[in-house]
Amino acid sequence: MRFLKGFGQFWYDFIIGDDWKIAVAVVAALAVVLALLLGGVTGPALAAFGGVLLIAFFTASVVIDVRRSR
């Protein structure tokens, strides 16, 4: 049982890390790209849109942290 707890704690710390908002940004961007894929959108434009979306969500999470520290 201790192995399972340690395994879960490792993956939680690896994925979430110090800032849960960045993990949420990545999951949200992947969810939008998955929804577009399931909707039939394909091609290199989807990959570019996913990258831009990921950068935008990451930037938003960083801006939220900076605004709170002031």
N, C-alpha and C. Protein backbone atom coordinates (compact mmCIF):
# COMPACT_ATOMS: atom_id res chain seq x y z
N MET A 1 0.82 -1.19 0.00
CA MET A 1 0.00 0.00 0.00
C MET A 1 0.87 1.26 0.00
N ARG A 2 1.99 1.20 0.69
CA ARG A 2 2.88 2.35 0.76
C ARG A 2 3.46 2.68 -0.63
N PHE A 3 3.68 1.61 -1.43
CA PHE A 3 4.18 1.81 -2.78
C PHE A 3 3.16 2.60 -3.61
N LEU A 4 1.89 2.24 -3.52
CA LEU A 4 0.86 2.93 -4.28
C LEU A 4 0.73 4.39 -3.86
N LYS A 5 0.82 4.64 -2.57
CA LYS A 5 0.74 6.01 -2.08
C LYS A 5 1.93 6.83 -2.58
N GLY A 6 3.12 6.26 -2.51
CA GLY A 6 4.31 6.95 -3.00
C GLY A 6 4.25 7.18 -4.50
N PHE A 7 3.74 6.19 -5.24
CA PHE A 7 3.59 6.31 -6.69
C PHE A 7 2.63 7.44 -7.03
N GLY A 8 1.51 7.50 -6.32
CA GLY A 8 0.53 8.57 -6.55
C GLY A 8 1.09 9.94 -6.19
N GLN A 9 1.82 10.02 -5.10
CA GLN A 9 2.40 11.29 -4.70
C GLN A 9 3.45 11.76 -5.69
N PHE A 10 4.23 10.83 -6.24
CA PHE A 10 5.21 11.20 -7.25
C PHE A 10 4.53 11.82 -8.47
N TRP A 11 3.51 11.15 -9.00
CA TRP A 11 2.86 11.66 -10.20
C TRP A 11 2.11 12.95 -9.94
N TYR A 12 1.52 13.10 -8.75
CA TYR A 12 0.86 14.35 -8.41
C TYR A 12 1.88 15.48 -8.38
N ASP A 13 3.01 15.25 -7.74
CA ASP A 13 4.04 16.28 -7.67
C ASP A 13 4.66 16.54 -9.03
N PHE A 14 4.80 15.52 -9.86
CA PHE A 14 5.38 15.67 -11.19
C PHE A 14 4.45 16.47 -12.10
N ILE A 15 3.16 16.19 -12.07
CA ILE A 15 2.21 16.85 -12.96
C ILE A 15 1.80 18.21 -12.42
N ILE A 16 1.40 18.27 -11.17
CA ILE A 16 0.92 19.53 -10.59
C ILE A 16 2.09 20.42 -10.22
N GLY A 17 3.08 19.87 -9.55
CA GLY A 17 4.26 20.63 -9.18
C GLY A 17 3.94 21.73 -8.18
N ASP A 18 4.57 22.86 -8.36
CA ASP A 18 4.39 23.97 -7.43
C ASP A 18 3.17 24.81 -7.75
N ASP A 19 2.72 24.79 -8.99
CA ASP A 19 1.63 25.68 -9.38
C ASP A 19 0.55 24.89 -10.12
N TRP A 20 -0.59 24.72 -9.48
CA TRP A 20 -1.67 23.96 -10.08
C TRP A 20 -2.31 24.68 -11.26
N LYS A 21 -2.15 25.99 -11.32
CA LYS A 21 -2.77 26.75 -12.42
C LYS A 21 -2.12 26.43 -13.77
N ILE A 22 -0.84 26.16 -13.76
CA ILE A 22 -0.16 25.79 -15.01
C ILE A 22 -0.65 24.42 -15.48
N ALA A 23 -0.84 23.49 -14.55
CA ALA A 23 -1.36 22.18 -14.93
C ALA A 23 -2.77 22.29 -15.49
N VAL A 24 -3.59 23.16 -14.91
CA VAL A 24 -4.95 23.38 -15.43
C VAL A 24 -4.89 24.01 -16.82
N ALA A 25 -3.95 24.92 -17.05
CA ALA A 25 -3.81 25.54 -18.36
C ALA A 25 -3.46 24.51 -19.43
N VAL A 26 -2.56 23.60 -19.10
CA VAL A 26 -2.17 22.56 -20.06
C VAL A 26 -3.34 21.63 -20.35
N VAL A 27 -4.05 21.21 -19.31
CA VAL A 27 -5.19 20.31 -19.50
C VAL A 27 -6.29 21.00 -20.30
N ALA A 28 -6.54 22.28 -20.02
CA ALA A 28 -7.57 23.01 -20.76
C ALA A 28 -7.21 23.15 -22.24
N ALA A 29 -5.96 23.45 -22.53
CA ALA A 29 -5.54 23.57 -23.93
C ALA A 29 -5.65 22.22 -24.64
N LEU A 30 -5.26 21.15 -23.98
CA LEU A 30 -5.39 19.83 -24.58
C LEU A 30 -6.85 19.44 -24.78
N ALA A 31 -7.71 19.85 -23.86
CA ALA A 31 -9.14 19.54 -24.00
C ALA A 31 -9.75 20.27 -25.19
N VAL A 32 -9.36 21.52 -25.41
CA VAL A 32 -9.86 22.27 -26.56
C VAL A 32 -9.39 21.64 -27.86
N VAL A 33 -8.12 21.24 -27.91
CA VAL A 33 -7.59 20.61 -29.12
C VAL A 33 -8.27 19.26 -29.35
N LEU A 34 -8.52 18.50 -28.30
CA LEU A 34 -9.22 17.23 -28.43
C LEU A 34 -10.64 17.44 -28.94
N ALA A 35 -11.32 18.46 -28.43
CA ALA A 35 -12.68 18.75 -28.90
C ALA A 35 -12.67 19.11 -30.38
N LEU A 36 -11.67 19.87 -30.81
CA LEU A 36 -11.57 20.20 -32.23
C LEU A 36 -11.27 18.96 -33.08
N LEU A 37 -10.43 18.08 -32.56
CA LEU A 37 -10.13 16.84 -33.29
C LEU A 37 -11.39 15.98 -33.43
N LEU A 38 -12.14 15.87 -32.35
CA LEU A 38 -13.37 15.09 -32.40
C LEU A 38 -14.42 15.75 -33.29
N GLY A 39 -14.31 17.06 -33.45
CA GLY A 39 -15.21 17.78 -34.34
C GLY A 39 -14.83 17.69 -35.79
N GLY A 40 -13.70 17.09 -36.10
CA GLY A 40 -13.31 16.88 -37.48
C GLY A 40 -12.25 17.82 -38.00
N VAL A 41 -11.74 18.71 -37.16
CA VAL A 41 -10.68 19.62 -37.60
C VAL A 41 -9.35 18.89 -37.52
N THR A 42 -8.60 18.90 -38.61
CA THR A 42 -7.29 18.24 -38.63
C THR A 42 -6.30 19.12 -39.38
N GLY A 43 -5.06 18.69 -39.39
CA GLY A 43 -4.06 19.38 -40.17
C GLY A 43 -3.07 20.15 -39.33
N PRO A 44 -2.10 20.76 -39.99
CA PRO A 44 -1.07 21.50 -39.28
C PRO A 44 -1.60 22.76 -38.60
N ALA A 45 -2.69 23.30 -39.09
CA ALA A 45 -3.26 24.49 -38.45
C ALA A 45 -3.75 24.16 -37.05
N LEU A 46 -4.23 22.95 -36.84
CA LEU A 46 -4.69 22.55 -35.51
C LEU A 46 -3.52 22.48 -34.53
N ALA A 47 -2.39 21.97 -34.98
CA ALA A 47 -1.20 21.90 -34.12
C ALA A 47 -0.72 23.30 -33.77
N ALA A 48 -0.73 24.20 -34.75
CA ALA A 48 -0.32 25.59 -34.48
C ALA A 48 -1.29 26.25 -33.52
N PHE A 49 -2.58 26.03 -33.72
CA PHE A 49 -3.58 26.61 -32.82
C PHE A 49 -3.42 26.06 -31.41
N GLY A 50 -3.13 24.77 -31.30
CA GLY A 50 -2.92 24.17 -29.97
C GLY A 50 -1.72 24.78 -29.27
N GLY A 51 -0.65 25.02 -30.01
CA GLY A 51 0.53 25.65 -29.42
C GLY A 51 0.27 27.07 -28.97
N VAL A 52 -0.44 27.82 -29.79
CA VAL A 52 -0.77 29.20 -29.42
C VAL A 52 -1.70 29.22 -28.22
N LEU A 53 -2.65 28.30 -28.19
CA LEU A 53 -3.58 28.22 -27.07
C LEU A 53 -2.85 27.86 -25.78
N LEU A 54 -1.91 26.93 -25.87
CA LEU A 54 -1.14 26.54 -24.69
C LEU A 54 -0.33 27.71 -24.16
N ILE A 55 0.31 28.46 -25.05
CA ILE A 55 1.08 29.63 -24.63
C ILE A 55 0.17 30.69 -24.01
N ALA A 56 -1.00 30.89 -24.59
CA ALA A 56 -1.94 31.89 -24.06
C ALA A 56 -2.42 31.50 -22.67
N PHE A 57 -2.79 30.22 -22.48
CA PHE A 57 -3.26 29.78 -21.17
C PHE A 57 -2.13 29.84 -20.13
N PHE A 58 -0.92 29.47 -20.53
CA PHE A 58 0.22 29.54 -19.62
C PHE A 58 0.49 30.99 -19.22
N THR A 59 0.44 31.90 -20.19
CA THR A 59 0.65 33.32 -19.89
C THR A 59 -0.41 33.84 -18.95
N ALA A 60 -1.65 33.43 -19.16
CA ALA A 60 -2.73 33.86 -18.26
C ALA A 60 -2.49 33.37 -16.84
N SER A 61 -2.01 32.15 -16.67
CA SER A 61 -1.76 31.65 -15.32
C SER A 61 -0.61 32.40 -14.66
N VAL A 62 0.40 32.78 -15.42
CA VAL A 62 1.52 33.55 -14.86
C VAL A 62 1.05 34.95 -14.49
N VAL A 63 0.23 35.57 -15.33
CA VAL A 63 -0.28 36.91 -15.04
C VAL A 63 -1.12 36.89 -13.77
N ILE A 64 -1.90 35.86 -13.56
CA ILE A 64 -2.70 35.75 -12.34
C ILE A 64 -1.79 35.72 -11.12
N ASP A 65 -0.69 34.97 -11.19
CA ASP A 65 0.25 34.91 -10.06
C ASP A 65 0.94 36.25 -9.83
N VAL A 66 1.31 36.95 -10.88
CA VAL A 66 1.99 38.23 -10.73
C VAL A 66 1.05 39.27 -10.13
N ARG A 67 -0.18 39.27 -10.56
CA ARG A 67 -1.15 40.25 -10.04
C ARG A 67 -1.41 40.03 -8.56
N ARG A 68 -1.40 38.79 -8.10
CA ARG A 68 -1.65 38.51 -6.70
C ARG A 68 -0.51 38.91 -5.79
N SER A 69 0.71 38.92 -6.32
CA SER A 69 1.86 39.21 -5.47
C SER A 69 2.03 40.71 -5.20
N ARG A 70 1.33 41.52 -5.93
CA ARG A 70 1.48 42.96 -5.71
C ARG A 70 0.72 43.44 -4.53
